[in-house]
Amino acid sequence: MPIAATAEGWFGSDAEPEEPEGTDTVTPGGALAGLLDLLVQQPESEPLREAVQAQVRFLDARQEFHRAFAASSDERDALESGLLARFSATEICEAARTEFREKGNQDRMLLLARLLSQCGGDAVGALEPVVREFGGDIEYFVEVLAGVAGKDAEAASMLSRMLEHPAPDVRYRIASTVPDLPEAIGAPLLRALLEDPEDWIAEEAAEIRRLLNSRA
């Protein structure tokens, strides 16, 4: 299977927004204020009440993600554990997407990948909107998907689709995961990587094939 060398089909931009100076907290937005105003007018509305609760929870997740991102190394593990205990993979992804969209900094994507690596199969569906919005930063999530690909067909499918990504680093990261994947998933990926338009990736794939053959 030839590998596409264009960006067609991938969303988002590699351009990274600059982080505003002094951005050290997350403040409630207009969405919550608007919902609260409506709830005052319609206090018996259960859908409005649920929408307010969801928005409060989103802001809470975003604040906790920001705290984990800004924390010192001594505090980080506890804050990350707290995030994973309190919020779902989808909630964490939505908080991270918003933080990255507004403030940039690739380390936010690294933090998200580290968190999702502990979410098992729940990470797969949660990652879909992240991949769509920030296609240029997808390389950070290759290992997350590879970690569950043996048990999750959608994760394996996403890895296969990533072979068409125009960024060589993404395809190289996929190659690096092949030795640890089940053969039924890794073999088709390896065959495609052997035809990569970048010689250095094709050579890496050939080296991986030799390694796997030596194990047989």
Protein backbone atom coordinates (compact mmCIF):
# COMPACT_ATOMS: atom_id res chain seq x y z
CA MET A 1 0.00 0.00 0.00
CA PRO A 2 1.63 3.27 -1.07
CA ILE A 3 1.80 5.96 1.55
CA ALA A 4 0.33 9.36 0.77
CA ALA A 5 2.79 12.22 0.85
CA THR A 6 0.31 15.07 1.06
CA ALA A 7 -1.66 16.57 3.92
CA GLU A 8 -5.03 15.81 2.34
CA GLY A 9 -7.37 14.27 4.85
CA TRP A 10 -5.56 15.65 7.89
CA PHE A 11 -7.04 18.48 9.89
CA GLY A 12 -5.59 21.29 11.93
CA SER A 13 -2.38 23.19 11.49
CA ASP A 14 1.17 22.78 12.66
CA ALA A 15 1.11 26.44 13.65
CA GLU A 16 1.14 26.80 17.40
CA PRO A 17 -0.59 29.66 19.21
CA GLU A 18 1.57 31.68 21.52
CA GLU A 19 0.96 31.37 25.22
CA PRO A 20 -0.19 34.68 26.69
CA GLU A 21 1.96 36.08 29.45
CA GLY A 22 0.60 35.65 32.93
CA THR A 23 -1.78 32.83 32.00
CA ASP A 24 -1.73 30.87 35.22
CA THR A 25 -5.39 30.14 35.89
CA VAL A 26 -8.51 29.10 34.05
CA THR A 27 -11.39 31.55 34.39
CA PRO A 28 -15.07 30.69 33.83
CA GLY A 29 -16.19 31.62 30.35
CA GLY A 30 -19.26 33.22 28.90
CA ALA A 31 -20.85 29.84 28.21
CA LEU A 32 -21.33 29.12 31.90
CA ALA A 33 -22.58 32.63 32.63
CA GLY A 34 -25.11 32.34 29.83
CA LEU A 35 -26.34 28.96 31.07
CA LEU A 36 -26.70 30.28 34.61
CA ASP A 37 -28.75 33.22 33.37
CA LEU A 38 -31.05 30.84 31.52
CA LEU A 39 -31.33 28.60 34.58
CA VAL A 40 -32.44 31.56 36.69
CA GLN A 41 -35.20 32.14 34.16
CA GLN A 42 -36.10 28.43 33.90
CA PRO A 43 -35.21 26.93 37.29
CA GLU A 44 -37.23 23.75 36.66
CA SER A 45 -35.39 22.90 33.42
CA GLU A 46 -33.52 19.63 33.92
CA PRO A 47 -31.64 19.88 30.58
CA LEU A 48 -30.36 23.33 31.60
CA ARG A 49 -29.34 22.06 35.01
CA GLU A 50 -27.42 19.21 33.39
CA ALA A 51 -25.78 21.60 30.94
CA VAL A 52 -24.61 23.80 33.83
CA GLN A 53 -23.21 20.79 35.66
CA ALA A 54 -21.39 19.64 32.52
CA GLN A 55 -19.87 23.09 31.98
CA VAL A 56 -18.75 23.33 35.60
CA ARG A 57 -17.16 19.90 35.31
CA PHE A 58 -15.39 20.92 32.08
CA LEU A 59 -13.96 24.04 33.71
CA ASP A 60 -12.86 21.97 36.70
CA ALA A 61 -11.11 19.46 34.43
CA ARG A 62 -9.44 22.25 32.53
CA GLN A 63 -8.20 23.87 35.74
CA GLU A 64 -6.80 20.58 36.99
CA PHE A 65 -5.12 19.88 33.65
CA HIS A 66 -3.54 23.32 33.81
CA ARG A 67 -2.33 22.70 37.35
CA ALA A 68 -0.74 19.40 36.34
CA PHE A 69 0.90 21.07 33.35
CA ALA A 70 2.33 23.92 35.43
CA ALA A 71 3.34 21.79 38.42
CA SER A 72 6.85 21.11 39.58
CA SER A 73 8.21 17.58 39.17
CA ASP A 74 7.56 16.90 42.88
CA GLU A 75 3.85 17.70 42.54
CA ARG A 76 3.15 16.39 39.04
CA ASP A 77 2.55 12.70 39.79
CA ALA A 78 -0.08 13.43 42.44
CA LEU A 79 -1.89 15.94 40.25
CA GLU A 80 -1.91 13.58 37.27
CA SER A 81 -3.24 10.77 39.44
CA GLY A 82 -5.97 13.11 40.67
CA LEU A 83 -6.96 13.97 37.11
CA LEU A 84 -7.22 10.30 36.16
CA ALA A 85 -9.24 9.50 39.26
CA ARG A 86 -11.77 12.31 38.82
CA PHE A 87 -12.25 12.63 35.07
CA SER A 88 -12.84 10.38 32.10
CA ALA A 89 -10.48 10.16 29.13
CA THR A 90 -12.98 12.18 27.09
CA GLU A 91 -13.14 14.94 29.71
CA ILE A 92 -9.37 15.11 29.96
CA CYS A 93 -9.05 15.29 26.17
CA GLU A 94 -11.58 18.10 25.92
CA ALA A 95 -9.78 20.09 28.63
CA ALA A 96 -6.40 19.53 26.94
CA ARG A 97 -7.75 20.46 23.51
CA THR A 98 -9.04 23.76 24.81
CA GLU A 99 -5.83 24.54 26.68
CA PHE A 100 -3.69 23.75 23.63
CA ARG A 101 -5.99 25.60 21.24
CA GLU A 102 -5.75 28.78 23.30
CA LYS A 103 -2.19 28.60 24.67
CA GLY A 104 -0.19 26.19 22.51
CA ASN A 105 2.99 24.53 23.82
CA GLN A 106 3.69 20.96 22.65
CA ASP A 107 4.30 19.88 26.25
CA ARG A 108 0.53 19.99 26.73
CA MET A 109 0.20 17.29 24.08
CA LEU A 110 2.90 15.27 25.82
CA LEU A 111 1.02 15.56 29.11
CA LEU A 112 -2.19 14.44 27.43
CA ALA A 113 -0.43 11.45 25.86
CA ARG A 114 1.03 10.48 29.23
CA LEU A 115 -2.41 10.63 30.85
CA LEU A 116 -4.13 8.71 28.05
CA SER A 117 -1.52 5.96 28.17
CA GLN A 118 -3.08 5.05 31.53
CA CYS A 119 -6.68 5.07 30.26
CA GLY A 120 -6.62 1.83 28.27
CA GLY A 121 -9.26 1.44 25.58
CA ASP A 122 -11.12 4.54 26.77
CA ALA A 123 -8.35 6.64 25.20
CA VAL A 124 -9.23 5.58 21.66
CA GLY A 125 -12.60 7.26 21.24
CA ALA A 126 -11.45 10.24 23.28
CA LEU A 127 -8.52 10.79 20.92
CA GLU A 128 -10.57 11.01 17.72
CA PRO A 129 -11.43 14.74 18.02
CA VAL A 130 -7.87 15.54 19.13
CA VAL A 131 -6.49 13.82 16.03
CA ARG A 132 -8.93 15.66 13.81
CA GLU A 133 -8.21 19.09 15.25
CA PHE A 134 -4.47 18.80 15.76
CA GLY A 135 -3.35 16.49 12.97
CA GLY A 136 0.15 17.94 12.99
CA ASP A 137 0.67 16.80 16.58
CA ILE A 138 -0.59 13.25 16.17
CA GLU A 139 2.84 11.69 16.67
CA TYR A 140 2.49 12.05 20.43
CA PHE A 141 -0.37 9.56 20.47
CA VAL A 142 1.06 6.73 18.38
CA GLU A 143 2.31 4.86 21.45
CA VAL A 144 -1.03 5.37 23.21
CA LEU A 145 -2.87 3.66 20.35
CA ALA A 146 -0.23 0.98 19.92
CA GLY A 147 -0.57 0.10 23.59
CA VAL A 148 -4.19 -0.96 23.15
CA ALA A 149 -4.24 -1.94 19.46
CA GLY A 150 -4.10 -5.64 20.28
CA LYS A 151 -7.41 -5.39 22.13
CA ASP A 152 -9.14 -2.52 20.33
CA ALA A 153 -9.94 -2.72 16.62
CA GLU A 154 -10.49 1.03 16.33
CA ALA A 155 -7.02 1.73 17.74
CA ALA A 156 -5.53 -0.60 15.13
CA SER A 157 -7.56 1.14 12.43
CA MET A 158 -6.35 4.56 13.55
CA LEU A 159 -2.74 3.40 13.41
CA SER A 160 -3.33 2.18 9.86
CA ARG A 161 -4.82 5.52 8.85
CA MET A 162 -1.86 7.33 10.38
CA LEU A 163 0.35 5.71 7.74
CA GLU A 164 -1.04 8.31 5.35
CA HIS A 165 0.12 11.18 7.52
CA PRO A 166 2.46 13.52 5.62
CA ALA A 167 4.81 14.01 8.59
CA PRO A 168 7.66 11.44 8.47
CA ASP A 169 8.05 11.54 12.26
CA VAL A 170 4.55 10.09 12.63
CA ARG A 171 5.31 7.17 10.34
CA TYR A 172 8.67 6.60 12.02
CA ARG A 173 6.97 6.38 15.40
CA ILE A 174 4.57 3.81 13.99
CA ALA A 175 7.54 1.78 12.76
CA SER A 176 9.06 1.84 16.24
CA THR A 177 5.91 0.24 17.69
CA VAL A 178 5.67 -2.63 15.19
CA PRO A 179 7.89 -5.11 17.11
CA ASP A 180 5.56 -4.92 20.10
CA LEU A 181 2.30 -5.26 18.15
CA PRO A 182 0.46 -8.53 17.49
CA GLU A 183 1.54 -9.92 14.11
CA ALA A 184 -1.93 -9.52 12.61
CA ILE A 185 -1.71 -5.77 13.24
CA GLY A 186 2.00 -5.15 12.85
CA ALA A 187 2.57 -7.07 9.60
CA PRO A 188 0.33 -4.89 7.38
CA LEU A 189 1.85 -1.76 8.92
CA LEU A 190 5.35 -3.03 8.26
CA ARG A 191 4.56 -3.89 4.62
CA ALA A 192 3.34 -0.33 4.07
CA LEU A 193 6.35 1.19 5.82
CA LEU A 194 8.73 -0.79 3.60
CA GLU A 195 7.33 1.30 0.72
CA ASP A 196 7.64 4.63 2.51
CA PRO A 197 8.76 7.47 0.21
CA GLU A 198 11.33 8.49 2.83
CA ASP A 199 14.32 6.18 2.42
CA TRP A 200 15.30 6.39 6.08
CA ILE A 201 11.87 5.17 7.18
CA ALA A 202 11.87 2.35 4.63
CA GLU A 203 15.34 1.36 5.85
CA GLU A 204 14.14 1.36 9.45
CA ALA A 205 11.21 -0.85 8.44
CA ALA A 206 13.63 -3.25 6.71
CA GLU A 207 15.73 -3.40 9.87
CA ILE A 208 12.63 -4.14 11.93
CA ARG A 209 11.68 -6.92 9.48
CA ARG A 210 15.13 -8.47 9.94
CA LEU A 211 14.73 -8.24 13.71
CA LEU A 212 11.33 -9.94 13.63
CA ASN A 213 12.59 -12.65 11.29
CA SER A 214 15.44 -13.39 13.69
CA ARG A 215 12.90 -13.95 16.47
CA ALA A 216 10.89 -16.46 14.43
